Amino acid sequence: MKKLKVSKKEAKNKIENFFKEIKEKSPLEIKKIKKIAMNKRISLGENKKLFCKKCFFPFVNPKIRIKKGFKIITCEECGAIKRIKIK
């Protein structure tokens, strides 16, 4: 199986288009996009907050709490906790 060579610009466009409609995506697709980003050294930035880092399941209705300057998001699929510092 041959791998397609994709330029950095094409990969960046593909990643941006992917995260516009992340709610309907599967964990396998998210894993592939993350791998492309790592391969081409493209930062996901704010898009990292849209899915669980353990199970790669997109946050649809996560449990969100705010406590001591942190936004705490609990994954509804695996129960993993993601803490994001509030600026």
C-alpha atoms as a PDB file:
ATOM      1  CA  MET A   1       0.000   0.000   0.000  1.00  0.00           C
ATOM      2  CA  LYS A   2       1.513   3.327  -1.094  1.00  0.00           C
ATOM      3  CA  LYS A   3       1.336   6.372   1.116  1.00  0.00           C
ATOM      4  CA  LEU A   4       0.253   9.607  -0.491  1.00  0.00           C
ATOM      5  CA  LYS A   5       2.650  12.499  -0.138  1.00  0.00           C
ATOM      6  CA  VAL A   6       0.795  15.523   1.192  1.00  0.00           C
ATOM      7  CA  SER A   7       2.321  18.980   1.502  1.00  0.00           C
ATOM      8  CA  LYS A   8       2.173  20.919   4.763  1.00  0.00           C
ATOM      9  CA  LYS A   9      -0.345  23.435   3.345  1.00  0.00           C
ATOM     10  CA  GLU A  10      -2.655  20.667   2.125  1.00  0.00           C
ATOM     11  CA  ALA A  11      -2.417  18.930   5.498  1.00  0.00           C
ATOM     12  CA  LYS A  12      -3.212  22.183   7.337  1.00  0.00           C
ATOM     13  CA  ASN A  13      -6.299  22.770   5.154  1.00  0.00           C
ATOM     14  CA  LYS A  14      -7.423  19.178   5.697  1.00  0.00           C
ATOM     15  CA  ILE A  15      -7.084  19.576   9.489  1.00  0.00           C
ATOM     16  CA  GLU A  16      -8.990  22.896   9.537  1.00  0.00           C
ATOM     17  CA  ASN A  17     -11.848  21.453   7.471  1.00  0.00           C
ATOM     18  CA  PHE A  18     -11.961  18.354   9.671  1.00  0.00           C
ATOM     19  CA  PHE A  19     -12.412  20.283  12.925  1.00  0.00           C
ATOM     20  CA  LYS A  20     -15.275  22.402  11.538  1.00  0.00           C
ATOM     21  CA  GLU A  21     -17.593  19.360  11.786  1.00  0.00           C
ATOM     22  CA  ILE A  22     -15.978  17.293  14.554  1.00  0.00           C
ATOM     23  CA  LYS A  23     -19.283  16.340  16.251  1.00  0.00           C
ATOM     24  CA  GLU A  24     -20.075  13.679  13.610  1.00  0.00           C
ATOM     25  CA  LYS A  25     -16.565  12.180  13.482  1.00  0.00           C
ATOM     26  CA  SER A  26     -15.423   8.830  14.857  1.00  0.00           C
ATOM     27  CA  PRO A  27     -12.454   8.353  17.219  1.00  0.00           C
ATOM     28  CA  LEU A  28     -10.532   6.563  14.458  1.00  0.00           C
ATOM     29  CA  GLU A  29     -10.789   9.603  12.156  1.00  0.00           C
ATOM     30  CA  ILE A  30      -9.645  11.931  14.956  1.00  0.00           C
ATOM     31  CA  LYS A  31      -6.665   9.664  15.617  1.00  0.00           C
ATOM     32  CA  LYS A  32      -5.677   9.791  11.907  1.00  0.00           C
ATOM     33  CA  ILE A  33      -5.919  13.603  11.786  1.00  0.00           C
ATOM     34  CA  LYS A  34      -3.816  13.907  14.948  1.00  0.00           C
ATOM     35  CA  LYS A  35      -1.195  11.617  13.415  1.00  0.00           C
ATOM     36  CA  ILE A  36      -1.070  13.760  10.250  1.00  0.00           C
ATOM     37  CA  ALA A  37      -0.628  16.886  12.390  1.00  0.00           C
ATOM     38  CA  MET A  38       2.212  15.296  14.362  1.00  0.00           C
ATOM     39  CA  ASN A  39       3.900  14.063  11.182  1.00  0.00           C
ATOM     40  CA  LYS A  40       3.825  17.506   9.524  1.00  0.00           C
ATOM     41  CA  ARG A  41       4.518  19.358  12.822  1.00  0.00           C
ATOM     42  CA  ILE A  42       1.253  21.292  12.741  1.00  0.00           C
ATOM     43  CA  SER A  43      -0.054  22.499  16.092  1.00  0.00           C
ATOM     44  CA  LEU A  44      -3.686  21.651  16.822  1.00  0.00           C
ATOM     45  CA  GLY A  45      -3.955  24.602  19.214  1.00  0.00           C
ATOM     46  CA  GLU A  46      -7.523  25.199  20.421  1.00  0.00           C
ATOM     47  CA  ASN A  47      -8.749  22.107  18.548  1.00  0.00           C
ATOM     48  CA  LYS A  48      -7.169  19.868  21.215  1.00  0.00           C
ATOM     49  CA  LYS A  49      -9.988  20.908  23.544  1.00  0.00           C
ATOM     50  CA  LEU A  50     -12.639  19.389  21.269  1.00  0.00           C
ATOM     51  CA  PHE A  51     -11.850  15.703  21.929  1.00  0.00           C
ATOM     52  CA  CYS A  52     -10.704  13.368  24.712  1.00  0.00           C
ATOM     53  CA  LYS A  53      -6.991  12.662  24.674  1.00  0.00           C
ATOM     54  CA  LYS A  54      -7.444   9.099  25.970  1.00  0.00           C
ATOM     55  CA  CYS A  55     -10.247   7.673  23.829  1.00  0.00           C
ATOM     56  CA  PHE A  56     -10.282  10.327  21.026  1.00  0.00           C
ATOM     57  CA  PHE A  57     -14.069  10.609  21.373  1.00  0.00           C
ATOM     58  CA  PRO A  58     -15.381  14.106  20.464  1.00  0.00           C
ATOM     59  CA  PHE A  59     -16.952  16.061  23.321  1.00  0.00           C
ATOM     60  CA  VAL A  60     -20.664  16.271  22.481  1.00  0.00           C
ATOM     61  CA  ASN A  61     -22.281  16.767  25.916  1.00  0.00           C
ATOM     62  CA  PRO A  62     -19.378  16.693  28.379  1.00  0.00           C
ATOM     63  CA  LYS A  63     -19.749  17.328  32.083  1.00  0.00           C
ATOM     64  CA  ILE A  64     -18.124  20.730  32.689  1.00  0.00           C
ATOM     65  CA  ARG A  65     -17.211  22.234  36.054  1.00  0.00           C
ATOM     66  CA  ILE A  66     -15.288  25.378  36.958  1.00  0.00           C
ATOM     67  CA  LYS A  67     -13.175  25.193  40.091  1.00  0.00           C
ATOM     68  CA  LYS A  68     -10.195  27.225  41.374  1.00  0.00           C
ATOM     69  CA  GLY A  69      -9.296  28.761  38.004  1.00  0.00           C
ATOM     70  CA  PHE A  70      -9.625  25.536  36.023  1.00  0.00           C
ATOM     71  CA  LYS A  71     -12.286  24.354  33.602  1.00  0.00           C
ATOM     72  CA  ILE A  72     -12.696  20.637  34.272  1.00  0.00           C
ATOM     73  CA  ILE A  73     -14.178  18.550  31.455  1.00  0.00           C
ATOM     74  CA  THR A  74     -15.165  14.928  32.057  1.00  0.00           C
ATOM     75  CA  CYS A  75     -15.424  12.649  29.016  1.00  0.00           C
ATOM     76  CA  GLU A  76     -18.837  11.003  28.744  1.00  0.00           C
ATOM     77  CA  GLU A  77     -17.350   7.942  27.018  1.00  0.00           C
ATOM     78  CA  CYS A  78     -14.364   6.899  29.158  1.00  0.00           C
ATOM     79  CA  GLY A  79     -14.624   9.189  32.209  1.00  0.00           C
ATOM     80  CA  ALA A  80     -11.202  10.785  31.691  1.00  0.00           C
ATOM     81  CA  ILE A  81     -10.732  14.264  33.157  1.00  0.00           C
ATOM     82  CA  LYS A  82      -9.262  17.162  31.190  1.00  0.00           C
ATOM     83  CA  ARG A  83      -8.218  20.308  33.069  1.00  0.00           C
ATOM     84  CA  ILE A  84      -7.875  23.579  31.187  1.00  0.00           C
ATOM     85  CA  LYS A  85      -6.530  26.673  32.948  1.00  0.00           C
ATOM     86  CA  ILE A  86      -8.846  29.681  32.653  1.00  0.00           C
ATOM     87  CA  LYS A  87      -7.018  32.851  31.710  1.00  0.00           C
END
